[in-house]
Amino acid sequence: MSENSTARPVPRSGRVAVRLGATAVAATLLAACSGAGGSATSDGDKTLRVLMVNNQPMIELQKLTAANFTKETGIKVDFTVLPENDVRDKISQDFSNQAGQYDVATISNYEIPFFAKNGWLHPLDEYVAKDAAFDQGDILDPLTKSLTAADGKLYGEPFYGESSFLMYRKDVFADKKLKMPDHPTWDEVADLAAKADGAKPGMKGICLRGLPGWGEVIAPLTTVVNTMGGTWFTEDWQAKLTSPEFTKATKFYVDLVREHGQAGAAQSGYAECLNNLTQGKTAMWYDATAAAGSLEAEDSPVKGKIGYVQAPVDKTSNSGWLYTWAWGMQKASKHSDEAWKFISWASSKEYEELVGENVGWANVPAGKRTSTYNNAHYVREAQAFSDVTLSAIGGADPRNPGTQPRPTLGIQFVGIPEFTDLGTKVSQEISAAIAGRQTVEEALKKSQVLAEKVAKEYRK
């Protein structure tokens, strides 16, 4: 993950090729050992062990825990904080073995389906039912759904959430007499990109990710595929990467970034596009809603100059992705009551107030609660983008993101463990097409072979 600043919230799924390592993928094929595991404490029954990703909102949580959560509950928290790829591997290893080394870990809506299916997570419904103060109804419905597995049980509580939207330079559009619709289509965006290209010296019409990685180029590309009628797999596990719809969407994306996108697009990810928009090198950018926090920061040279509208569409009414870093409880934890107290505190309204008052309202881990967007303090800091963000998250549907039924959850990813490897390999082919080393048809023909191998196993 590339963070623009250590003092601001940064995007989650949007920023990086998040992936499980080979060990984790293999581990997901193991049967659950739901009762095993050693002690999860290092200091008696009043110590929890929490494994989490090392992004800025989590680091702020670590700083605030002892003086607030521990002081109030008497429960100490022993944090292990690792980079995203490392933490995913470690979580998968510990949870798949039900070793019980950690009570709580940061997991995303990507892992929930197969972690839950394998019996690695403790359902949270019984705790939610007893804890009225937590107010589960205040959690944004798309996030609750994305953290609910096929068995109908809830397995995670969000720390923060995001969708995707289109960002553009309002001043540049005004100078060029260009009008941005509140709900643009991709055809309109392509037309605007052509007209905004060269609006200022060195400025390109749009920035889109081209960097290999299933959490880099594949994330935005898959939302385009969805809205243009395509899908990675049909409901009965037929791979569809060479279908007319998937091909049309990919050609559209590749042609747009090649014709009106940034230089070096094949090596540009979230961080590069953020820098391009901040430095005045691009007129538009389609990416994570969480990027707005950096663009509207006090020291941002484009603060107040950016407009925010919904993710562009084609055949669907919405196309924004959905991602959340959430708290999951290991099934083998011997301290589930204490673990819930931590989870409910870290995902609470109370914690958001704590961050707002002690760190700054722009740093609140938002995107998960309706009440956040009714909080006058937060709205004042985030008024440029808060309503559009809330609408984007509210419109995201991980169960039905396209025009036909899917075999599993996911908008910008397919919710299976094999997607870490499949998506990354396909991304390399797409990136090569963006670089001009092969055609889109050639890239998708190779990708179809890879996808069919995965689909064949699921059809069995």
Protein backbone atom coordinates (compact mmCIF):
# COMPACT_ATOMS: atom_id res chain seq x y z
CA MET A 1 0.00 0.00 0.00
CA SER A 2 1.18 3.49 -0.76
CA GLU A 3 0.11 6.08 1.75
CA ASN A 4 0.18 9.71 0.73
CA SER A 5 0.53 10.87 4.32
CA THR A 6 0.94 9.28 7.69
CA ALA A 7 -1.40 11.87 9.16
CA ARG A 8 -4.49 11.15 7.11
CA PRO A 9 -6.85 8.28 6.43
CA VAL A 10 -5.85 6.33 3.35
CA PRO A 11 -7.72 4.05 1.00
CA ARG A 12 -8.01 0.38 1.74
CA SER A 13 -8.86 -2.03 -1.05
CA GLY A 14 -8.52 0.74 -3.44
CA ARG A 15 -4.86 1.30 -2.99
CA VAL A 16 -3.09 -1.96 -3.41
CA ALA A 17 -2.95 -5.44 -4.80
CA VAL A 18 -4.12 -7.14 -1.66
CA ARG A 19 -3.50 -10.85 -1.80
CA LEU A 20 -3.23 -14.01 0.19
CA GLY A 21 0.08 -15.79 -0.23
CA ALA A 22 0.49 -19.33 -1.47
CA THR A 23 0.43 -20.64 2.06
CA ALA A 24 -2.88 -18.95 2.71
CA VAL A 25 -4.44 -20.22 -0.49
CA ALA A 26 -3.43 -23.75 0.36
CA ALA A 27 -4.69 -23.29 3.88
CA THR A 28 -8.17 -22.42 2.71
CA LEU A 29 -8.50 -25.90 1.32
CA LEU A 30 -8.04 -27.46 4.73
CA ALA A 31 -10.96 -28.64 6.81
CA ALA A 32 -11.68 -26.56 9.89
CA CYS A 33 -10.28 -27.59 13.24
CA SER A 34 -12.72 -25.48 15.18
CA GLY A 35 -11.89 -26.56 18.70
CA ALA A 36 -8.11 -26.54 18.62
CA GLY A 37 -5.65 -23.93 19.74
CA GLY A 38 -3.55 -22.81 22.65
CA SER A 39 -3.88 -19.87 24.97
CA ALA A 40 -4.49 -16.54 23.27
CA THR A 41 -3.09 -14.50 26.12
CA SER A 42 0.33 -13.39 27.18
CA ASP A 43 -0.72 -11.77 30.44
CA GLY A 44 -3.58 -13.77 31.85
CA ASP A 45 -7.26 -13.73 30.99
CA LYS A 46 -7.40 -9.93 30.73
CA THR A 47 -5.09 -9.70 27.69
CA LEU A 48 -6.26 -9.97 24.11
CA ARG A 49 -3.98 -10.57 21.15
CA VAL A 50 -4.92 -8.60 18.05
CA LEU A 51 -3.30 -9.00 14.64
CA MET A 52 -3.86 -6.10 12.28
CA VAL A 53 -2.72 -4.30 9.15
CA ASN A 54 -0.30 -1.39 9.54
CA ASN A 55 -2.22 1.47 7.94
CA GLN A 56 -2.70 4.83 9.61
CA PRO A 57 -6.21 4.38 11.05
CA MET A 58 -5.06 1.14 12.73
CA ILE A 59 -1.98 2.85 14.13
CA GLU A 60 -4.17 5.56 15.63
CA LEU A 61 -6.31 2.83 17.18
CA GLN A 62 -3.23 1.27 18.74
CA LYS A 63 -2.26 4.62 20.27
CA LEU A 64 -5.72 5.22 21.73
CA THR A 65 -6.42 1.75 23.13
CA ALA A 66 -4.58 1.72 26.46
CA ALA A 67 -5.80 5.11 27.69
CA ASN A 68 -9.38 4.43 26.69
CA PHE A 69 -10.46 0.83 26.09
CA THR A 70 -8.09 -0.74 28.62
CA LYS A 71 -8.77 1.98 31.17
CA GLU A 72 -12.52 1.42 30.87
CA THR A 73 -12.57 -2.39 30.72
CA GLY A 74 -9.34 -3.54 32.35
CA ILE A 75 -8.61 -5.60 29.21
CA LYS A 76 -5.09 -5.18 27.88
CA VAL A 77 -4.51 -5.50 24.16
CA ASP A 78 -1.33 -6.93 22.70
CA PHE A 79 -1.10 -5.74 19.08
CA THR A 80 0.88 -7.33 16.26
CA VAL A 81 0.98 -4.88 13.35
CA LEU A 82 2.24 -5.96 9.92
CA PRO A 83 2.18 -4.80 6.28
CA GLU A 84 -0.90 -5.90 4.37
CA ASN A 85 0.50 -8.84 2.43
CA ASP A 86 2.33 -10.13 5.50
CA VAL A 87 -0.66 -9.77 7.79
CA ARG A 88 -2.93 -11.60 5.37
CA ASP A 89 -0.55 -14.55 5.22
CA LYS A 90 -0.15 -14.65 9.00
CA ILE A 91 -3.90 -14.39 9.63
CA SER A 92 -4.62 -17.18 7.17
CA GLN A 93 -1.97 -19.43 8.71
CA ASP A 94 -3.14 -18.88 12.28
CA PHE A 95 -6.86 -19.02 11.57
CA SER A 96 -6.68 -22.02 9.23
CA ASN A 97 -4.81 -24.02 11.85
CA GLN A 98 -7.06 -22.67 14.61
CA ALA A 99 -3.90 -22.17 16.60
CA GLY A 100 -5.58 -19.56 18.76
CA GLN A 101 -2.48 -17.39 18.88
CA TYR A 102 -4.65 -14.37 18.06
CA ASP A 103 -8.15 -13.63 19.28
CA VAL A 104 -9.01 -10.89 16.79
CA ALA A 105 -7.65 -9.97 13.37
CA THR A 106 -8.33 -7.50 10.59
CA ILE A 107 -10.05 -9.30 7.74
CA SER A 108 -11.87 -7.89 4.76
CA ASN A 109 -15.08 -8.68 2.96
CA TYR A 110 -12.93 -10.57 0.47
CA GLU A 111 -12.00 -13.29 2.99
CA ILE A 112 -15.33 -13.59 4.81
CA PRO A 113 -16.99 -16.17 2.49
CA PHE A 114 -14.29 -18.83 2.64
CA PHE A 115 -13.04 -18.09 6.16
CA ALA A 116 -16.59 -18.59 7.40
CA LYS A 117 -17.22 -21.65 5.24
CA ASN A 118 -14.09 -23.30 6.62
CA GLY A 119 -15.17 -22.65 10.20
CA TRP A 120 -12.31 -20.36 11.09
CA LEU A 121 -14.42 -17.48 12.44
CA HIS A 122 -16.68 -17.08 15.45
CA PRO A 123 -20.16 -15.84 14.45
CA LEU A 124 -20.97 -12.48 16.03
CA ASP A 125 -24.77 -12.60 15.96
CA GLU A 126 -25.16 -13.66 19.59
CA TYR A 127 -23.06 -10.72 20.76
CA VAL A 128 -24.85 -8.23 18.53
CA ALA A 129 -28.19 -9.43 19.88
CA LYS A 130 -27.11 -8.75 23.47
CA ASP A 131 -25.37 -5.42 22.80
CA ALA A 132 -28.01 -2.83 21.95
CA ALA A 133 -25.53 0.00 22.50
CA PHE A 134 -23.46 -1.18 19.52
CA ASP A 135 -26.44 -0.45 17.26
CA GLN A 136 -25.95 -2.88 14.40
CA GLY A 137 -28.76 -1.14 12.54
CA ASP A 138 -26.53 1.93 12.23
CA ILE A 139 -23.94 -0.06 10.24
CA LEU A 140 -24.39 0.60 6.53
CA ASP A 141 -26.40 -2.25 5.06
CA PRO A 142 -23.99 -3.10 2.20
CA LEU A 143 -21.21 -3.63 4.74
CA THR A 144 -23.36 -5.84 6.96
CA LYS A 145 -24.30 -7.90 3.92
CA SER A 146 -20.71 -8.19 2.75
CA LEU A 147 -19.64 -9.47 6.18
CA THR A 148 -22.48 -11.99 6.33
CA ALA A 149 -21.66 -15.43 4.93
CA ALA A 150 -23.80 -17.84 2.93
CA ASP A 151 -25.08 -19.41 6.15
CA GLY A 152 -26.75 -16.11 7.03
CA LYS A 153 -24.48 -15.43 10.01
CA LEU A 154 -22.48 -12.25 10.64
CA TYR A 155 -18.72 -12.82 10.90
CA GLY A 156 -17.19 -9.35 10.99
CA GLU A 157 -17.71 -5.77 12.11
CA PRO A 158 -16.31 -2.96 9.94
CA PHE A 159 -13.62 -0.59 11.13
CA TYR A 160 -14.06 1.51 8.01
CA GLY A 161 -15.47 1.12 4.51
CA GLU A 162 -15.12 2.51 1.02
CA SER A 163 -16.61 2.46 -2.46
CA SER A 164 -15.35 4.05 -5.68
CA PHE A 165 -16.27 7.26 -7.48
CA LEU A 166 -15.12 9.69 -10.16
CA MET A 167 -13.04 12.71 -9.18
CA TYR A 168 -12.47 15.69 -11.49
CA ARG A 169 -10.98 19.18 -11.55
CA LYS A 170 -13.91 21.58 -11.28
CA ASP A 171 -11.81 24.60 -12.31
CA VAL A 172 -10.46 22.88 -15.41
CA PHE A 173 -13.93 21.80 -16.46
CA ALA A 174 -15.22 25.33 -15.94
CA ASP A 175 -12.40 26.80 -18.06
CA LYS A 176 -13.12 24.31 -20.85
CA LYS A 177 -16.90 24.77 -20.45
CA LEU A 178 -17.33 21.06 -19.74
CA LYS A 179 -20.28 19.72 -17.75
CA MET A 180 -19.86 16.69 -15.48
CA PRO A 181 -23.13 14.79 -14.84
CA ASP A 182 -23.88 13.69 -11.28
CA HIS A 183 -24.31 10.14 -12.61
CA PRO A 184 -22.07 9.88 -15.68
CA THR A 185 -21.92 7.00 -18.12
CA TRP A 186 -18.59 5.61 -19.23
CA ASP A 187 -19.23 6.91 -22.75
CA GLU A 188 -19.68 10.42 -21.31
CA VAL A 189 -16.48 10.04 -19.31
CA ALA A 190 -14.54 8.98 -22.41
CA ASP A 191 -15.85 12.02 -24.27
CA LEU A 192 -14.93 14.33 -21.39
CA ALA A 193 -11.46 12.77 -21.13
CA ALA A 194 -10.83 13.53 -24.79
CA LYS A 195 -11.95 17.14 -24.36
CA ALA A 196 -10.00 17.70 -21.13
CA ASP A 197 -6.81 16.12 -22.49
CA GLY A 198 -4.25 18.92 -22.75
CA ALA A 199 -6.46 21.45 -20.94
CA LYS A 200 -3.30 22.57 -19.16
CA PRO A 201 0.31 21.91 -20.16
CA GLY A 202 1.14 18.27 -19.40
CA MET A 203 -2.39 17.46 -18.21
CA LYS A 204 -4.04 14.24 -19.37
CA GLY A 205 -7.78 13.64 -19.53
CA ILE A 206 -8.00 10.82 -17.01
CA CYS A 207 -5.96 8.58 -14.74
CA LEU A 208 -6.81 4.88 -14.43
CA ARG A 209 -4.84 2.13 -12.77
CA GLY A 210 -2.76 -0.06 -15.05
CA LEU A 211 -0.38 -1.53 -12.50
CA PRO A 212 -0.46 -5.34 -12.21
CA GLY A 213 -2.19 -6.72 -9.13
CA TRP A 214 -5.69 -7.99 -8.42
CA GLY A 215 -6.21 -5.08 -6.07
CA GLU A 216 -4.68 -2.61 -8.53
CA VAL A 217 -5.79 -2.65 -12.19
CA ILE A 218 -8.27 -5.50 -11.68
CA ALA A 219 -10.33 -3.60 -9.07
CA PRO A 220 -11.48 -0.68 -11.27
CA LEU A 221 -11.49 -2.78 -14.44
CA THR A 222 -13.86 -5.34 -12.92
CA THR A 223 -16.37 -2.61 -12.05
CA VAL A 224 -16.34 -1.59 -15.72
CA VAL A 225 -16.81 -5.22 -16.73
CA ASN A 226 -19.76 -5.53 -14.34
CA THR A 227 -21.60 -2.48 -15.57
CA MET A 228 -21.00 -3.36 -19.23
CA GLY A 229 -22.69 -6.72 -18.76
CA GLY A 230 -19.70 -8.98 -18.18
CA THR A 231 -18.64 -11.30 -15.38
CA TRP A 232 -15.63 -13.44 -14.50
CA PHE A 233 -17.82 -16.49 -13.88
CA THR A 234 -21.45 -17.38 -14.43
CA GLU A 235 -23.58 -18.72 -11.61
CA ASP A 236 -22.73 -22.30 -12.66
CA TRP A 237 -18.97 -21.59 -12.84
CA GLN A 238 -18.43 -21.01 -16.53
CA ALA A 239 -15.42 -18.73 -17.15
CA LYS A 240 -16.42 -15.76 -19.33
CA LEU A 241 -13.28 -13.70 -19.88
CA THR A 242 -13.50 -13.97 -23.66
CA SER A 243 -17.21 -13.16 -23.79
CA PRO A 244 -18.25 -10.17 -25.92
CA GLU A 245 -19.19 -8.20 -22.79
CA PHE A 246 -15.90 -8.82 -20.95
CA THR A 247 -13.95 -8.08 -24.13
CA LYS A 248 -15.86 -4.86 -24.81
CA ALA A 249 -15.30 -3.57 -21.26
CA THR A 250 -11.60 -4.42 -21.26
CA LYS A 251 -11.02 -2.85 -24.67
CA PHE A 252 -12.87 0.26 -23.51
CA TYR A 253 -10.71 0.54 -20.38
CA VAL A 254 -7.44 -0.15 -22.18
CA ASP A 255 -8.22 2.19 -25.07
CA LEU A 256 -9.29 4.99 -22.71
CA VAL A 257 -6.13 4.90 -20.64
CA ARG A 258 -3.90 4.49 -23.70
CA GLU A 259 -5.51 7.39 -25.59
CA HIS A 260 -6.21 9.89 -22.82
CA GLY A 261 -4.55 8.47 -19.71
CA GLN A 262 -1.32 9.11 -17.88
CA ALA A 263 2.16 8.37 -19.17
CA GLY A 264 3.48 5.04 -17.93
CA ALA A 265 -0.04 3.80 -17.28
CA ALA A 266 1.03 0.16 -17.15
CA GLN A 267 3.04 0.96 -14.03
CA SER A 268 0.54 3.36 -12.45
CA GLY A 269 -1.53 2.31 -9.46
CA TYR A 270 -3.48 4.08 -6.78
CA ALA A 271 -0.50 6.04 -5.45
CA GLU A 272 0.59 7.29 -8.86
CA CYS A 273 -2.90 8.44 -9.84
CA LEU A 274 -3.33 10.19 -6.49
CA ASN A 275 -0.09 12.06 -7.11
CA ASN A 276 -1.10 12.91 -10.67
CA LEU A 277 -4.40 14.47 -9.61
CA THR A 278 -2.80 16.26 -6.67
CA GLN A 279 -0.02 17.66 -8.86
CA GLY A 280 -2.31 18.84 -11.66
CA LYS A 281 -1.25 16.19 -14.17
CA THR A 282 -4.73 14.78 -14.80
CA ALA A 283 -8.23 16.19 -15.10
CA MET A 284 -10.14 13.11 -13.86
CA TRP A 285 -9.54 10.00 -11.79
CA TYR A 286 -11.78 6.99 -11.10
CA ASP A 287 -10.82 5.27 -7.85
CA ALA A 288 -11.50 4.73 -4.15
CA THR A 289 -13.73 7.12 -2.21
CA ALA A 290 -11.10 7.12 0.53
CA ALA A 291 -8.80 9.14 -1.75
CA ALA A 292 -10.85 12.25 -1.01
CA GLY A 293 -9.33 12.57 2.45
CA SER A 294 -5.92 13.22 0.90
CA LEU A 295 -7.23 15.48 -1.84
CA GLU A 296 -9.08 17.70 0.65
CA ALA A 297 -6.33 17.80 3.28
CA GLU A 298 -5.21 21.21 4.50
CA ASP A 299 -1.88 20.97 2.68
CA SER A 300 -3.31 19.62 -0.58
CA PRO A 301 -2.70 21.93 -3.56
CA VAL A 302 -6.06 20.87 -5.04
CA LYS A 303 -8.16 21.28 -1.88
CA GLY A 304 -11.53 22.74 -2.90
CA LYS A 305 -10.84 22.24 -6.61
CA ILE A 306 -12.10 18.65 -6.91
CA GLY A 307 -15.62 17.57 -7.76
CA TYR A 308 -16.93 14.11 -6.83
CA VAL A 309 -19.61 12.15 -8.68
CA GLN A 310 -20.84 8.57 -8.72
CA ALA A 311 -18.91 5.77 -10.40
CA PRO A 312 -19.61 5.77 -14.16
CA VAL A 313 -22.10 3.21 -15.44
CA ASP A 314 -23.30 1.56 -18.62
CA LYS A 315 -26.00 -1.12 -18.21
CA THR A 316 -26.36 -0.95 -14.41
CA SER A 317 -27.59 1.87 -12.17
CA ASN A 318 -24.55 1.64 -9.86
CA SER A 319 -21.02 0.37 -10.37
CA GLY A 320 -18.97 1.42 -7.34
CA TRP A 321 -16.99 -1.25 -5.57
CA LEU A 322 -17.24 -2.17 -1.90
CA TYR A 323 -14.41 -2.81 0.52
CA THR A 324 -14.01 -2.84 4.26
CA TRP A 325 -11.33 -3.67 6.76
CA ALA A 326 -13.24 -5.41 9.51
CA TRP A 327 -12.66 -7.24 12.77
CA GLY A 328 -13.00 -11.01 12.79
CA MET A 329 -12.87 -13.26 15.87
CA GLN A 330 -11.00 -16.55 15.63
CA LYS A 331 -13.24 -19.53 16.35
CA ALA A 332 -10.58 -21.02 18.62
CA SER A 333 -10.30 -17.94 20.83
CA LYS A 334 -10.73 -18.73 24.52
CA HIS A 335 -11.57 -15.09 25.21
CA SER A 336 -14.53 -14.46 22.96
CA ASP A 337 -16.39 -12.21 25.42
CA GLU A 338 -13.37 -9.95 25.80
CA ALA A 339 -12.79 -10.08 22.05
CA TRP A 340 -16.31 -8.83 21.42
CA LYS A 341 -15.79 -5.96 23.85
CA PHE A 342 -12.77 -4.87 21.82
CA ILE A 343 -14.49 -5.33 18.45
CA SER A 344 -17.60 -3.46 19.53
CA TRP A 345 -15.50 -0.60 20.91
CA ALA A 346 -13.23 -0.33 17.84
CA SER A 347 -16.24 -0.24 15.49
CA SER A 348 -18.41 1.99 17.69
CA LYS A 349 -19.79 5.51 17.47
CA GLU A 350 -17.90 6.17 20.68
CA TYR A 351 -14.60 5.38 19.01
CA GLU A 352 -15.36 7.68 16.09
CA GLU A 353 -16.04 10.49 18.55
CA LEU A 354 -12.75 9.69 20.29
CA VAL A 355 -10.78 9.97 17.05
CA GLY A 356 -12.58 13.14 16.03
CA GLU A 357 -11.85 14.86 19.32
CA ASN A 358 -8.28 13.62 19.81
CA VAL A 359 -6.90 13.19 16.29
CA GLY A 360 -9.19 15.17 13.99
CA TRP A 361 -12.53 14.66 12.34
CA ALA A 362 -10.92 14.13 8.94
CA ASN A 363 -9.19 11.08 10.44
CA VAL A 364 -12.39 9.35 11.59
CA PRO A 365 -12.55 5.77 10.24
CA ALA A 366 -15.68 6.52 8.24
CA GLY A 367 -17.68 4.70 5.59
CA LYS A 368 -19.40 2.28 7.96
CA ARG A 369 -22.13 4.04 9.99
CA THR A 370 -25.12 6.12 8.98
CA SER A 371 -24.65 8.29 12.07
CA THR A 372 -21.20 9.41 10.87
CA TYR A 373 -22.85 11.24 8.01
CA ASN A 374 -25.24 12.98 10.38
CA ASN A 375 -22.41 14.16 12.63
CA ALA A 376 -22.00 17.90 12.18
CA HIS A 377 -18.30 17.80 13.02
CA TYR A 378 -17.53 15.16 10.41
CA VAL A 379 -19.78 16.65 7.75
CA ARG A 380 -18.10 20.03 8.13
CA GLU A 381 -14.68 18.48 7.46
CA ALA A 382 -15.84 16.16 4.67
CA GLN A 383 -18.66 18.13 3.07
CA ALA A 384 -17.08 18.07 -0.40
CA PHE A 385 -17.34 14.30 -0.68
CA SER A 386 -19.29 12.83 2.25
CA ASP A 387 -22.71 12.67 0.57
CA VAL A 388 -21.32 11.15 -2.62
CA THR A 389 -19.34 8.61 -0.60
CA LEU A 390 -22.37 7.60 1.45
CA SER A 391 -24.47 7.24 -1.68
CA ALA A 392 -21.76 5.17 -3.38
CA ILE A 393 -21.47 2.75 -0.49
CA GLY A 394 -25.23 2.57 -0.13
CA GLY A 395 -25.62 1.66 -3.78
CA ALA A 396 -23.01 -1.09 -3.77
CA ASP A 397 -24.43 -4.61 -3.95
CA PRO A 398 -21.82 -7.36 -3.50
CA ARG A 399 -24.40 -10.05 -4.22
CA ASN A 400 -25.64 -8.59 -7.51
CA PRO A 401 -23.02 -6.22 -8.92
CA GLY A 402 -23.75 -6.83 -12.59
CA THR A 403 -26.45 -7.95 -14.97
CA GLN A 404 -26.53 -11.67 -14.15
CA PRO A 405 -26.28 -13.96 -11.10
CA ARG A 406 -22.79 -14.67 -9.70
CA PRO A 407 -21.47 -17.80 -7.99
CA THR A 408 -20.11 -15.90 -4.98
CA LEU A 409 -19.88 -12.48 -3.31
CA GLY A 410 -17.76 -9.65 -4.62
CA ILE A 411 -17.85 -6.54 -6.80
CA GLN A 412 -14.23 -5.75 -7.69
CA PHE A 413 -13.11 -9.31 -6.88
CA VAL A 414 -14.45 -12.85 -6.92
CA GLY A 415 -14.83 -14.09 -3.35
CA ILE A 416 -12.76 -17.27 -3.63
CA PRO A 417 -9.23 -17.88 -2.30
CA GLU A 418 -7.93 -18.71 -5.78
CA PHE A 419 -8.66 -15.17 -6.95
CA THR A 420 -5.49 -13.84 -5.38
CA ASP A 421 -3.45 -15.87 -7.84
CA LEU A 422 -5.90 -15.77 -10.76
CA GLY A 423 -6.53 -12.05 -10.52
CA THR A 424 -2.84 -11.26 -10.28
CA LYS A 425 -1.97 -13.35 -13.34
CA VAL A 426 -4.81 -11.85 -15.36
CA SER A 427 -3.73 -8.37 -14.27
CA GLN A 428 -0.29 -9.00 -15.74
CA GLU A 429 -1.87 -9.79 -19.10
CA ILE A 430 -4.09 -6.69 -18.97
CA SER A 431 -1.17 -4.50 -17.98
CA ALA A 432 0.81 -5.86 -20.94
CA ALA A 433 -2.08 -4.84 -23.22
CA ILE A 434 -2.06 -1.34 -21.73
CA ALA A 435 1.68 -1.20 -22.40
CA GLY A 436 1.03 -2.19 -26.01
CA ARG A 437 2.89 -5.48 -25.82
CA GLN A 438 -0.17 -7.48 -26.87
CA THR A 439 -3.78 -6.97 -27.89
CA VAL A 440 -6.71 -7.14 -25.50
CA GLU A 441 -7.93 -10.23 -27.32
CA GLU A 442 -4.58 -11.95 -26.80
CA ALA A 443 -4.56 -10.97 -23.12
CA LEU A 444 -8.06 -12.30 -22.53
CA LYS A 445 -7.46 -15.52 -24.45
CA LYS A 446 -4.59 -16.35 -22.06
CA SER A 447 -6.65 -15.21 -19.09
CA GLN A 448 -9.60 -17.40 -20.08
CA VAL A 449 -7.38 -20.49 -19.88
CA LEU A 450 -6.37 -19.55 -16.33
CA ALA A 451 -9.96 -18.83 -15.29
CA GLU A 452 -11.23 -22.07 -16.79
CA LYS A 453 -8.84 -24.08 -14.63
CA VAL A 454 -10.35 -22.48 -11.52
CA ALA A 455 -13.90 -22.84 -12.80
CA LYS A 456 -13.41 -26.53 -13.57
CA GLU A 457 -12.54 -27.28 -9.96
CA TYR A 458 -15.65 -25.50 -8.70
CA ARG A 459 -17.89 -27.25 -11.21
CA LYS A 460 -16.78 -30.55 -9.71
